[in-house]
Structures are given as C-alpha cells and as structure tokens.
Amino acid sequence: MTTFIGRVVLFMVSGVLMKSICKLNIRVLHAMPGRVRLQCNAWKSNSVAEELTNALRGYSLVESANISPVTGSLLLHFTQKHLNQKQFDGVMDLLVKLTTAGIEKEVSISTLLMGRIINRLDTQVKISTNGICDLVFLFIIALTTQAVRGFSSNRGSSLQQLFWVYRLLRGGRNVI
C-alpha cells in the first residue's frame, strides 16, 4: 500500500515538474553516461546563465557545469556515471527553480527601454521649459484636468485620480 501511495505522489510531482520543464522548453540535446547537454532559450541571458552555473557548481551530483549564453546550451558532467530517475528529476527540478528565479530577478528589455525613453522625455521637457516643468509636473496637470472634467460623470474615477495627484505632490512615485 505504501509503495502505491509513493508511486501516486511521485507521479503527481513528476507531472508538475514536466509542466515546468515544458513551460521553459528545456530540451535534452545529448546524453551519455556521466553527462548531459540541455538547451533552453532562457539560458541565453547572461545573468540567468551566470547564476545557474554558480548554483550548479555547488550541487553534490554535478562535477562541472558549462553554459553558453550564445546558444542557451548547458553541459553538465555528473559525479556518477549513471543517475537514477529520482536523482535526474532532482537535477531537473533544480534547473527549473534556478531558471525561474533568474528570470524573475531579471529586468525586461522593454522596461529598460521604456525607462530610457521616459528619462529622455523628462530631460527634453526640462530643457524646453528652462527647468520650470518636468514630466511629473505635466502628468500631475493632465491628471488634475481629467479628474476635474470627469467629476460630474464619474466621481469614483475622478477621486482616484485626485488621490494619485496628491500622492505625487507628496513625493510618492508609486501611485498605483
């Protein structure tokens, strides 16, 4: 009975692991006794690749870990010639967790680009107005105008916009 329950639990855990592996699209490119080459597009990020390599070097089953951010390919040499299913699942689970954590930490390219655009726009506004206005001031004026115009038709939305204006004027940048 215990082995049956153990198999059911293992089946459920491996199902969750397989979903994560499929979501990240981790592929086994080549395997032979004592080593495996995997590929994942998320590993093309330098920061994710570096974090993954450093963490894998401290893992007991991994003798060496080499990753190529250019191809997103990871070559693992194990301390044993043959891993059982539980050991290999443990390595794959670790890869999924480390990759997911690395992706979550990384700032997206779109966010960086948008930040640069906003900073350039803010600089242009300051230059154009000889330092009298900045982008935050223009945003406050636009929000206040929109709130006052819409107060008769939608008080809830207008009050929320006025609250954002208040928070911006008090120095809070996170208004949402």
N, C-alpha and C. Protein backbone atom coordinates (compact mmCIF):
# COMPACT_ATOMS: atom_id res chain seq x y z
N MET A 1 0.82 -1.20 0.00
CA MET A 1 0.00 0.00 0.00
C MET A 1 0.87 1.26 0.00
N THR A 2 1.95 1.25 0.79
CA THR A 2 2.81 2.44 0.85
C THR A 2 3.50 2.68 -0.48
N THR A 3 3.91 1.62 -1.16
CA THR A 3 4.55 1.82 -2.46
C THR A 3 3.57 2.39 -3.48
N PHE A 4 2.31 1.97 -3.38
CA PHE A 4 1.30 2.52 -4.29
C PHE A 4 1.14 4.02 -4.06
N ILE A 5 1.03 4.44 -2.78
CA ILE A 5 0.91 5.87 -2.45
C ILE A 5 2.16 6.62 -2.88
N GLY A 6 3.31 6.00 -2.66
CA GLY A 6 4.57 6.62 -3.09
C GLY A 6 4.61 6.84 -4.59
N ARG A 7 4.12 5.85 -5.34
CA ARG A 7 4.10 5.99 -6.80
C ARG A 7 3.13 7.07 -7.25
N VAL A 8 1.98 7.16 -6.57
CA VAL A 8 1.00 8.19 -6.92
C VAL A 8 1.59 9.57 -6.66
N VAL A 9 2.24 9.74 -5.49
CA VAL A 9 2.87 11.03 -5.17
C VAL A 9 3.97 11.35 -6.17
N LEU A 10 4.81 10.36 -6.49
CA LEU A 10 5.88 10.56 -7.47
C LEU A 10 5.31 10.94 -8.83
N PHE A 11 4.20 10.29 -9.23
CA PHE A 11 3.56 10.60 -10.50
C PHE A 11 3.06 12.05 -10.51
N MET A 12 2.44 12.49 -9.39
CA MET A 12 1.93 13.86 -9.32
C MET A 12 3.07 14.87 -9.33
N VAL A 13 4.14 14.61 -8.57
CA VAL A 13 5.28 15.52 -8.53
C VAL A 13 5.95 15.58 -9.89
N SER A 14 6.15 14.42 -10.54
CA SER A 14 6.79 14.44 -11.85
C SER A 14 5.92 15.14 -12.88
N GLY A 15 4.58 15.08 -12.71
CA GLY A 15 3.69 15.81 -13.61
C GLY A 15 3.87 17.31 -13.49
N VAL A 16 4.00 17.79 -12.27
CA VAL A 16 4.24 19.22 -12.04
C VAL A 16 5.60 19.61 -12.61
N LEU A 17 6.62 18.76 -12.38
CA LEU A 17 7.95 19.02 -12.90
C LEU A 17 7.93 19.06 -14.43
N MET A 18 7.24 18.14 -15.06
CA MET A 18 7.17 18.12 -16.52
C MET A 18 6.48 19.36 -17.07
N LYS A 19 5.45 19.85 -16.38
CA LYS A 19 4.79 21.08 -16.83
C LYS A 19 5.77 22.24 -16.80
N SER A 20 6.58 22.33 -15.72
CA SER A 20 7.55 23.41 -15.61
C SER A 20 8.62 23.30 -16.68
N ILE A 21 9.09 22.07 -16.91
CA ILE A 21 10.11 21.86 -17.94
C ILE A 21 9.56 22.24 -19.31
N CYS A 22 8.32 21.87 -19.59
CA CYS A 22 7.70 22.20 -20.88
C CYS A 22 7.48 23.69 -21.02
N LYS A 23 7.09 24.37 -19.92
CA LYS A 23 6.88 25.81 -19.96
C LYS A 23 8.17 26.54 -20.31
N LEU A 24 9.28 26.11 -19.72
CA LEU A 24 10.57 26.72 -20.01
C LEU A 24 11.17 26.21 -21.31
N ASN A 25 10.62 25.11 -21.82
CA ASN A 25 11.09 24.49 -23.06
C ASN A 25 12.54 24.02 -22.92
N ILE A 26 12.83 23.30 -21.83
CA ILE A 26 14.15 22.71 -21.64
C ILE A 26 14.21 21.43 -22.46
N ARG A 27 15.22 21.34 -23.32
CA ARG A 27 15.35 20.18 -24.19
C ARG A 27 16.66 19.44 -23.91
N VAL A 28 16.60 18.14 -23.95
CA VAL A 28 17.82 17.33 -23.85
C VAL A 28 18.37 17.20 -25.27
N LEU A 29 19.55 17.75 -25.49
CA LEU A 29 20.17 17.68 -26.82
C LEU A 29 21.00 16.42 -26.99
N HIS A 30 21.68 16.02 -25.91
CA HIS A 30 22.56 14.86 -26.00
C HIS A 30 22.78 14.32 -24.59
N ALA A 31 22.80 13.00 -24.47
CA ALA A 31 23.06 12.39 -23.17
C ALA A 31 23.91 11.15 -23.36
N MET A 32 24.85 10.98 -22.44
CA MET A 32 25.66 9.77 -22.39
C MET A 32 26.04 9.54 -20.93
N PRO A 33 26.55 8.41 -20.57
CA PRO A 33 26.86 8.16 -19.16
C PRO A 33 27.77 9.24 -18.56
N GLY A 34 27.27 9.84 -17.50
CA GLY A 34 28.06 10.84 -16.79
C GLY A 34 27.90 12.26 -17.27
N ARG A 35 27.16 12.49 -18.34
CA ARG A 35 26.99 13.87 -18.82
C ARG A 35 25.71 14.02 -19.63
N VAL A 36 25.25 15.26 -19.69
CA VAL A 36 24.06 15.57 -20.47
C VAL A 36 24.19 17.01 -20.98
N ARG A 37 23.71 17.25 -22.19
CA ARG A 37 23.67 18.60 -22.74
C ARG A 37 22.20 18.98 -22.90
N LEU A 38 21.84 20.11 -22.29
CA LEU A 38 20.48 20.62 -22.32
C LEU A 38 20.47 21.98 -23.00
N GLN A 39 19.30 22.38 -23.48
CA GLN A 39 19.18 23.69 -24.11
C GLN A 39 17.88 24.34 -23.68
N CYS A 40 17.96 25.64 -23.40
CA CYS A 40 16.79 26.43 -23.02
C CYS A 40 17.04 27.88 -23.43
N ASN A 41 16.07 28.49 -24.07
CA ASN A 41 16.24 29.88 -24.52
C ASN A 41 16.44 30.86 -23.36
N ALA A 42 15.89 30.54 -22.18
CA ALA A 42 16.05 31.42 -21.02
C ALA A 42 17.52 31.50 -20.59
N TRP A 43 18.31 30.50 -20.92
CA TRP A 43 19.72 30.49 -20.55
C TRP A 43 20.58 31.36 -21.46
N LYS A 44 19.97 32.00 -22.44
CA LYS A 44 20.70 32.92 -23.31
C LYS A 44 20.95 34.25 -22.62
N SER A 45 20.28 34.49 -21.53
CA SER A 45 20.51 35.69 -20.72
C SER A 45 21.79 35.49 -19.90
N ASN A 46 22.71 36.45 -19.97
CA ASN A 46 23.97 36.33 -19.24
C ASN A 46 23.77 36.20 -17.74
N SER A 47 22.84 36.99 -17.19
CA SER A 47 22.65 36.94 -15.73
C SER A 47 22.03 35.61 -15.29
N VAL A 48 21.08 35.10 -16.05
CA VAL A 48 20.47 33.80 -15.73
C VAL A 48 21.52 32.71 -15.87
N ALA A 49 22.31 32.75 -16.93
CA ALA A 49 23.34 31.73 -17.17
C ALA A 49 24.39 31.74 -16.05
N GLU A 50 24.82 32.91 -15.65
CA GLU A 50 25.84 33.01 -14.59
C GLU A 50 25.31 32.49 -13.26
N GLU A 51 24.09 32.89 -12.92
CA GLU A 51 23.50 32.44 -11.67
C GLU A 51 23.29 30.92 -11.67
N LEU A 52 22.86 30.39 -12.79
CA LEU A 52 22.63 28.96 -12.92
C LEU A 52 23.94 28.18 -12.77
N THR A 53 24.98 28.62 -13.44
CA THR A 53 26.28 27.95 -13.38
C THR A 53 26.83 27.96 -11.97
N ASN A 54 26.77 29.11 -11.31
CA ASN A 54 27.30 29.20 -9.94
C ASN A 54 26.54 28.28 -8.98
N ALA A 55 25.24 28.22 -9.11
CA ALA A 55 24.44 27.38 -8.22
C ALA A 55 24.69 25.90 -8.49
N LEU A 56 24.86 25.53 -9.75
CA LEU A 56 25.07 24.11 -10.09
C LEU A 56 26.43 23.61 -9.64
N ARG A 57 27.41 24.47 -9.58
CA ARG A 57 28.75 24.04 -9.14
C ARG A 57 28.74 23.62 -7.68
N GLY A 58 27.79 24.10 -6.91
CA GLY A 58 27.69 23.71 -5.51
C GLY A 58 26.79 22.51 -5.28
N TYR A 59 26.21 21.97 -6.33
CA TYR A 59 25.28 20.83 -6.21
C TYR A 59 26.09 19.54 -6.16
N SER A 60 25.73 18.64 -5.26
CA SER A 60 26.53 17.44 -4.98
C SER A 60 26.67 16.50 -6.18
N LEU A 61 25.68 16.37 -7.02
CA LEU A 61 25.74 15.44 -8.15
C LEU A 61 26.49 16.01 -9.36
N VAL A 62 26.69 17.32 -9.37
CA VAL A 62 27.29 17.97 -10.54
C VAL A 62 28.78 18.18 -10.33
N GLU A 63 29.57 17.58 -11.21
CA GLU A 63 31.02 17.76 -11.17
C GLU A 63 31.42 19.08 -11.82
N SER A 64 30.81 19.36 -12.99
CA SER A 64 31.07 20.63 -13.67
C SER A 64 29.84 21.04 -14.46
N ALA A 65 29.70 22.35 -14.61
CA ALA A 65 28.58 22.91 -15.36
C ALA A 65 29.11 24.02 -16.24
N ASN A 66 28.93 23.88 -17.54
CA ASN A 66 29.37 24.90 -18.50
C ASN A 66 28.17 25.32 -19.33
N ILE A 67 27.95 26.62 -19.38
CA ILE A 67 26.80 27.12 -20.11
C ILE A 67 27.27 28.12 -21.17
N SER A 68 26.60 28.10 -22.30
CA SER A 68 26.89 29.05 -23.37
C SER A 68 25.69 29.97 -23.54
N PRO A 69 25.81 31.23 -23.09
CA PRO A 69 24.70 32.17 -23.25
C PRO A 69 24.37 32.45 -24.72
N VAL A 70 25.30 32.19 -25.61
CA VAL A 70 25.05 32.43 -27.03
C VAL A 70 24.00 31.46 -27.56
N THR A 71 24.14 30.17 -27.19
CA THR A 71 23.23 29.14 -27.69
C THR A 71 22.19 28.73 -26.66
N GLY A 72 22.39 29.08 -25.39
CA GLY A 72 21.49 28.65 -24.33
C GLY A 72 21.68 27.18 -24.01
N SER A 73 22.88 26.68 -24.25
CA SER A 73 23.19 25.27 -24.07
C SER A 73 23.96 25.07 -22.76
N LEU A 74 23.57 24.04 -22.01
CA LEU A 74 24.19 23.73 -20.72
C LEU A 74 24.75 22.32 -20.77
N LEU A 75 26.05 22.18 -20.49
CA LEU A 75 26.70 20.88 -20.45
C LEU A 75 26.98 20.54 -18.99
N LEU A 76 26.38 19.46 -18.52
CA LEU A 76 26.56 19.01 -17.15
C LEU A 76 27.37 17.72 -17.13
N HIS A 77 28.42 17.69 -16.33
CA HIS A 77 29.17 16.47 -16.05
C HIS A 77 28.81 16.08 -14.62
N PHE A 78 28.39 14.83 -14.45
CA PHE A 78 27.95 14.36 -13.14
C PHE A 78 29.09 13.65 -12.41
N THR A 79 28.96 13.53 -11.10
CA THR A 79 29.95 12.83 -10.30
C THR A 79 29.80 11.32 -10.43
N GLN A 80 28.68 10.86 -10.97
CA GLN A 80 28.42 9.43 -11.19
C GLN A 80 28.19 9.18 -12.67
N LYS A 81 28.50 7.97 -13.09
CA LYS A 81 28.26 7.62 -14.50
C LYS A 81 26.77 7.50 -14.80
N HIS A 82 26.02 6.95 -13.85
CA HIS A 82 24.60 6.72 -14.08
C HIS A 82 23.79 7.32 -12.94
N LEU A 83 22.78 8.09 -13.29
CA LEU A 83 21.86 8.65 -12.30
C LEU A 83 20.55 7.88 -12.35
N ASN A 84 19.98 7.63 -11.19
CA ASN A 84 18.65 7.02 -11.21
C ASN A 84 17.61 8.10 -11.51
N GLN A 85 16.39 7.71 -11.71
CA GLN A 85 15.33 8.65 -12.11
C GLN A 85 15.14 9.75 -11.07
N LYS A 86 15.19 9.38 -9.80
CA LYS A 86 14.99 10.34 -8.72
C LYS A 86 16.10 11.40 -8.73
N GLN A 87 17.34 10.97 -8.93
CA GLN A 87 18.46 11.91 -8.97
C GLN A 87 18.34 12.85 -10.18
N PHE A 88 18.01 12.28 -11.33
CA PHE A 88 17.88 13.12 -12.53
C PHE A 88 16.72 14.11 -12.38
N ASP A 89 15.61 13.64 -11.81
CA ASP A 89 14.48 14.54 -11.56
C ASP A 89 14.88 15.65 -10.59
N GLY A 90 15.71 15.33 -9.62
CA GLY A 90 16.20 16.35 -8.68
C GLY A 90 17.03 17.42 -9.38
N VAL A 91 17.88 16.99 -10.30
CA VAL A 91 18.70 17.93 -11.08
C VAL A 91 17.79 18.80 -11.95
N MET A 92 16.83 18.18 -12.62
CA MET A 92 15.91 18.93 -13.49
C MET A 92 15.05 19.90 -12.67
N ASP A 93 14.61 19.46 -11.51
CA ASP A 93 13.82 20.33 -10.64
C ASP A 93 14.65 21.54 -10.22
N LEU A 94 15.91 21.30 -9.87
CA LEU A 94 16.81 22.40 -9.51
C LEU A 94 16.99 23.37 -10.67
N LEU A 95 17.16 22.83 -11.87
CA LEU A 95 17.31 23.68 -13.06
C LEU A 95 16.08 24.55 -13.28
N VAL A 96 14.90 23.96 -13.12
CA VAL A 96 13.65 24.71 -13.30
C VAL A 96 13.56 25.82 -12.26
N LYS A 97 13.84 25.50 -10.99
CA LYS A 97 13.75 26.50 -9.92
C LYS A 97 14.75 27.63 -10.13
N LEU A 98 16.00 27.29 -10.45
CA LEU A 98 17.03 28.31 -10.64
C LEU A 98 16.74 29.18 -11.86
N THR A 99 16.28 28.55 -12.94
CA THR A 99 15.96 29.31 -14.15
C THR A 99 14.79 30.26 -13.89
N THR A 100 13.75 29.76 -13.24
CA THR A 100 12.59 30.59 -12.94
C THR A 100 12.98 31.75 -12.04
N ALA A 101 13.79 31.48 -11.02
CA ALA A 101 14.24 32.54 -10.11
C ALA A 101 15.08 33.58 -10.85
N GLY A 102 15.94 33.12 -11.75
CA GLY A 102 16.77 34.04 -12.53
C GLY A 102 15.96 34.92 -13.45
N ILE A 103 14.92 34.34 -14.07
CA ILE A 103 14.05 35.11 -14.97
C ILE A 103 13.28 36.15 -14.17
N GLU A 104 12.80 35.77 -12.98
CA GLU A 104 12.03 36.71 -12.16
C GLU A 104 12.87 37.88 -11.70
N LYS A 105 14.16 37.66 -11.45
CA LYS A 105 15.04 38.74 -10.99
C LYS A 105 15.41 39.70 -12.11
N GLU A 106 15.44 39.19 -13.32
CA GLU A 106 15.92 39.98 -14.45
C GLU A 106 14.92 41.06 -14.85
N VAL A 107 15.42 42.23 -15.14
CA VAL A 107 14.59 43.32 -15.62
C VAL A 107 14.42 43.16 -17.12
N SER A 108 13.19 43.26 -17.59
CA SER A 108 12.95 43.03 -19.01
C SER A 108 13.55 44.15 -19.87
N ILE A 109 13.87 43.81 -21.08
CA ILE A 109 14.44 44.76 -22.03
C ILE A 109 13.43 45.89 -22.29
N SER A 110 12.15 45.53 -22.33
CA SER A 110 11.11 46.54 -22.57
C SER A 110 11.06 47.57 -21.45
N THR A 111 11.21 47.11 -20.20
CA THR A 111 11.21 48.03 -19.06
C THR A 111 12.41 48.96 -19.12
N LEU A 112 13.57 48.41 -19.44
CA LEU A 112 14.77 49.25 -19.56
C LEU A 112 14.61 50.29 -20.67
N LEU A 113 14.08 49.86 -21.81
CA LEU A 113 13.87 50.77 -22.93
C LEU A 113 12.88 51.87 -22.57
N MET A 114 11.78 51.48 -21.92
CA MET A 114 10.77 52.47 -21.52
C MET A 114 11.36 53.46 -20.52
N GLY A 115 12.20 52.99 -19.61
CA GLY A 115 12.86 53.88 -18.64
C GLY A 115 13.74 54.90 -19.34
N ARG A 116 14.48 54.46 -20.34
CA ARG A 116 15.34 55.39 -21.09
C ARG A 116 14.51 56.42 -21.85
N ILE A 117 13.41 55.98 -22.44
CA ILE A 117 12.54 56.90 -23.18
C ILE A 117 11.96 57.95 -22.24
N ILE A 118 11.47 57.51 -21.07
CA ILE A 118 10.90 58.43 -20.10
C ILE A 118 11.95 59.42 -19.61
N ASN A 119 13.16 58.94 -19.34
CA ASN A 119 14.23 59.84 -18.89
C ASN A 119 14.60 60.87 -19.96
N ARG A 120 14.66 60.45 -21.21
CA ARG A 120 14.96 61.39 -22.30
C ARG A 120 13.84 62.42 -22.46
N LEU A 121 12.59 61.95 -22.37
CA LEU A 121 11.46 62.85 -22.47
C LEU A 121 11.46 63.85 -21.32
N ASP A 122 11.76 63.39 -20.12
CA ASP A 122 11.83 64.28 -18.95
C ASP A 122 12.92 65.33 -19.14
N THR A 123 14.06 64.91 -19.66
CA THR A 123 15.16 65.85 -19.93
C THR A 123 14.74 66.89 -20.96
N GLN A 124 14.06 66.47 -22.03
CA GLN A 124 13.62 67.40 -23.07
C GLN A 124 12.61 68.41 -22.52
N VAL A 125 11.71 67.94 -21.65
CA VAL A 125 10.73 68.86 -21.05
C VAL A 125 11.45 69.89 -20.19
N LYS A 126 12.42 69.46 -19.40
CA LYS A 126 13.18 70.38 -18.55
C LYS A 126 13.95 71.40 -19.39
N ILE A 127 14.57 70.93 -20.48
CA ILE A 127 15.33 71.83 -21.36
C ILE A 127 14.38 72.83 -22.02
N SER A 128 13.24 72.35 -22.52
CA SER A 128 12.29 73.21 -23.24
C SER A 128 11.68 74.28 -22.34
N THR A 129 11.52 73.95 -21.05
CA THR A 129 10.88 74.91 -20.14
C THR A 129 11.88 75.61 -19.23
N ASN A 130 13.17 75.49 -19.55
CA ASN A 130 14.24 76.08 -18.74
C ASN A 130 14.15 75.66 -17.27
N GLY A 131 13.78 74.41 -17.04
CA GLY A 131 13.75 73.86 -15.69
C GLY A 131 12.50 74.20 -14.89
N ILE A 132 11.52 74.86 -15.51
CA ILE A 132 10.30 75.22 -14.79
C ILE A 132 9.41 73.99 -14.59
N CYS A 133 9.36 73.12 -15.59
CA CYS A 133 8.50 71.93 -15.54
C CYS A 133 9.33 70.68 -15.73
N ASP A 134 8.79 69.59 -15.27
CA ASP A 134 9.34 68.28 -15.60
C ASP A 134 8.18 67.36 -15.97
N LEU A 135 8.48 66.14 -16.30
CA LEU A 135 7.45 65.21 -16.76
C LEU A 135 6.42 64.91 -15.67
N VAL A 136 6.86 64.81 -14.42
CA VAL A 136 5.93 64.55 -13.32
C VAL A 136 4.93 65.70 -13.19
N PHE A 137 5.41 66.93 -13.32
CA PHE A 137 4.52 68.09 -13.24
C PHE A 137 3.46 68.04 -14.34
N LEU A 138 3.89 67.74 -15.57
CA LEU A 138 2.94 67.65 -16.69
C LEU A 138 1.94 66.52 -16.46
N PHE A 139 2.37 65.43 -15.90
CA PHE A 139 1.49 64.32 -15.59
C PHE A 139 0.47 64.74 -14.53
N ILE A 140 0.92 65.48 -13.52
CA ILE A 140 0.01 65.96 -12.47
C ILE A 140 -1.04 66.90 -13.06
N ILE A 141 -0.62 67.80 -13.94
CA ILE A 141 -1.56 68.72 -14.59
C ILE A 141 -2.59 67.94 -15.41
N ALA A 142 -2.13 66.96 -16.17
CA ALA A 142 -3.03 66.17 -17.01
C ALA A 142 -4.02 65.38 -16.15
N LEU A 143 -3.55 64.76 -15.08
CA LEU A 143 -4.44 64.01 -14.20
C LEU A 143 -5.46 64.91 -13.52
N THR A 144 -5.01 66.07 -13.06
CA THR A 144 -5.92 67.01 -12.39
C THR A 144 -6.99 67.50 -13.36
N THR A 145 -6.59 67.85 -14.57
CA THR A 145 -7.54 68.31 -15.58
C THR A 145 -8.56 67.23 -15.90
N GLN A 146 -8.10 66.02 -16.09
CA GLN A 146 -9.00 64.91 -16.41
C GLN A 146 -9.95 64.62 -15.24
N ALA A 147 -9.45 64.71 -14.01
CA ALA A 147 -10.28 64.45 -12.83
C ALA A 147 -11.37 65.51 -12.68
N VAL A 148 -11.00 66.76 -12.89
CA VAL A 148 -11.98 67.85 -12.75
C VAL A 148 -13.04 67.76 -13.85
N ARG A 149 -12.63 67.47 -15.06
CA ARG A 149 -13.57 67.36 -16.18
C ARG A 149 -14.56 66.21 -15.98
N GLY A 150 -14.08 65.09 -15.44
CA GLY A 150 -14.93 63.92 -15.33
C GLY A 150 -15.64 63.79 -14.00
N PHE A 151 -15.50 64.79 -13.11
CA PHE A 151 -16.06 64.67 -11.76
C PHE A 151 -17.58 64.52 -11.76
N SER A 152 -18.27 65.20 -12.66
CA SER A 152 -19.73 65.12 -12.66
C SER A 152 -20.24 63.77 -13.18
N SER A 153 -19.50 63.13 -14.07
CA SER A 153 -19.98 61.87 -14.65
C SER A 153 -19.46 60.64 -13.91
N ASN A 154 -18.25 60.70 -13.37
CA ASN A 154 -17.68 59.52 -12.71
C ASN A 154 -16.85 59.97 -11.52
N ARG A 155 -17.51 60.15 -10.38
CA ARG A 155 -16.83 60.67 -9.20
C ARG A 155 -15.76 59.72 -8.67
N GLY A 156 -16.03 58.41 -8.72
CA GLY A 156 -15.07 57.44 -8.20
C GLY A 156 -13.74 57.51 -8.91
N SER A 157 -13.78 57.51 -10.23
CA SER A 157 -12.56 57.59 -11.03
C SER A 157 -11.86 58.93 -10.80
N SER A 158 -12.63 60.01 -10.74
CA SER A 158 -12.04 61.33 -10.53
C SER A 158 -11.38 61.44 -9.17
N LEU A 159 -12.02 60.89 -8.14
CA LEU A 159 -11.43 60.93 -6.81
C LEU A 159 -10.14 60.11 -6.76
N GLN A 160 -10.12 59.00 -7.46
CA GLN A 160 -8.91 58.18 -7.51
C GLN A 160 -7.78 58.95 -8.21
N GLN A 161 -8.10 59.63 -9.29
CA GLN A 161 -7.09 60.42 -9.99
C GLN A 161 -6.58 61.56 -9.11
N LEU A 162 -7.48 62.21 -8.37
CA LEU A 162 -7.05 63.27 -7.47
C LEU A 162 -6.18 62.72 -6.34
N PHE A 163 -6.46 61.50 -5.89
CA PHE A 163 -5.62 60.88 -4.89
C PHE A 163 -4.22 60.63 -5.45
N TRP A 164 -4.14 60.18 -6.71
CA TRP A 164 -2.83 59.98 -7.35
C TRP A 164 -2.07 61.29 -7.41
N VAL A 165 -2.78 62.37 -7.76
CA VAL A 165 -2.15 63.69 -7.81
C VAL A 165 -1.60 64.05 -6.44
N TYR A 166 -2.41 63.84 -5.42
CA TYR A 166 -1.99 64.12 -4.04
C TYR A 166 -0.73 63.33 -3.69
N ARG A 167 -0.71 62.03 -4.02
CA ARG A 167 0.45 61.19 -3.71
C ARG A 167 1.69 61.68 -4.46
N LEU A 168 1.51 62.08 -5.72
CA LEU A 168 2.65 62.58 -6.49
C LEU A 168 3.18 63.88 -5.89
N LEU A 169 2.27 64.75 -5.47
CA LEU A 169 2.69 66.01 -4.87
C LEU A 169 3.39 65.81 -3.53
N ARG A 170 3.01 64.77 -2.83
CA ARG A 170 3.64 64.46 -1.53
C ARG A 170 4.96 63.74 -1.70
N GLY A 171 5.36 63.47 -2.94
CA GLY A 171 6.68 62.85 -3.18
C GLY A 171 6.63 61.37 -3.46
N GLY A 172 5.45 60.76 -3.44
CA GLY A 172 5.36 59.33 -3.72
C GLY A 172 5.39 59.07 -5.20
N ARG A 173 6.29 58.23 -5.63
CA ARG A 173 6.38 57.89 -7.06
C ARG A 173 5.51 56.70 -7.40
N ASN A 174 5.22 55.84 -6.43
CA ASN A 174 4.39 54.66 -6.67
C ASN A 174 2.95 54.99 -6.34
N VAL A 175 2.19 55.37 -7.33
CA VAL A 175 0.83 55.83 -7.07
C VAL A 175 -0.19 54.71 -7.23
N ILE A 176 0.20 53.60 -7.81
CA ILE A 176 -0.76 52.50 -8.03
C ILE A 176 -0.71 51.55 -6.87
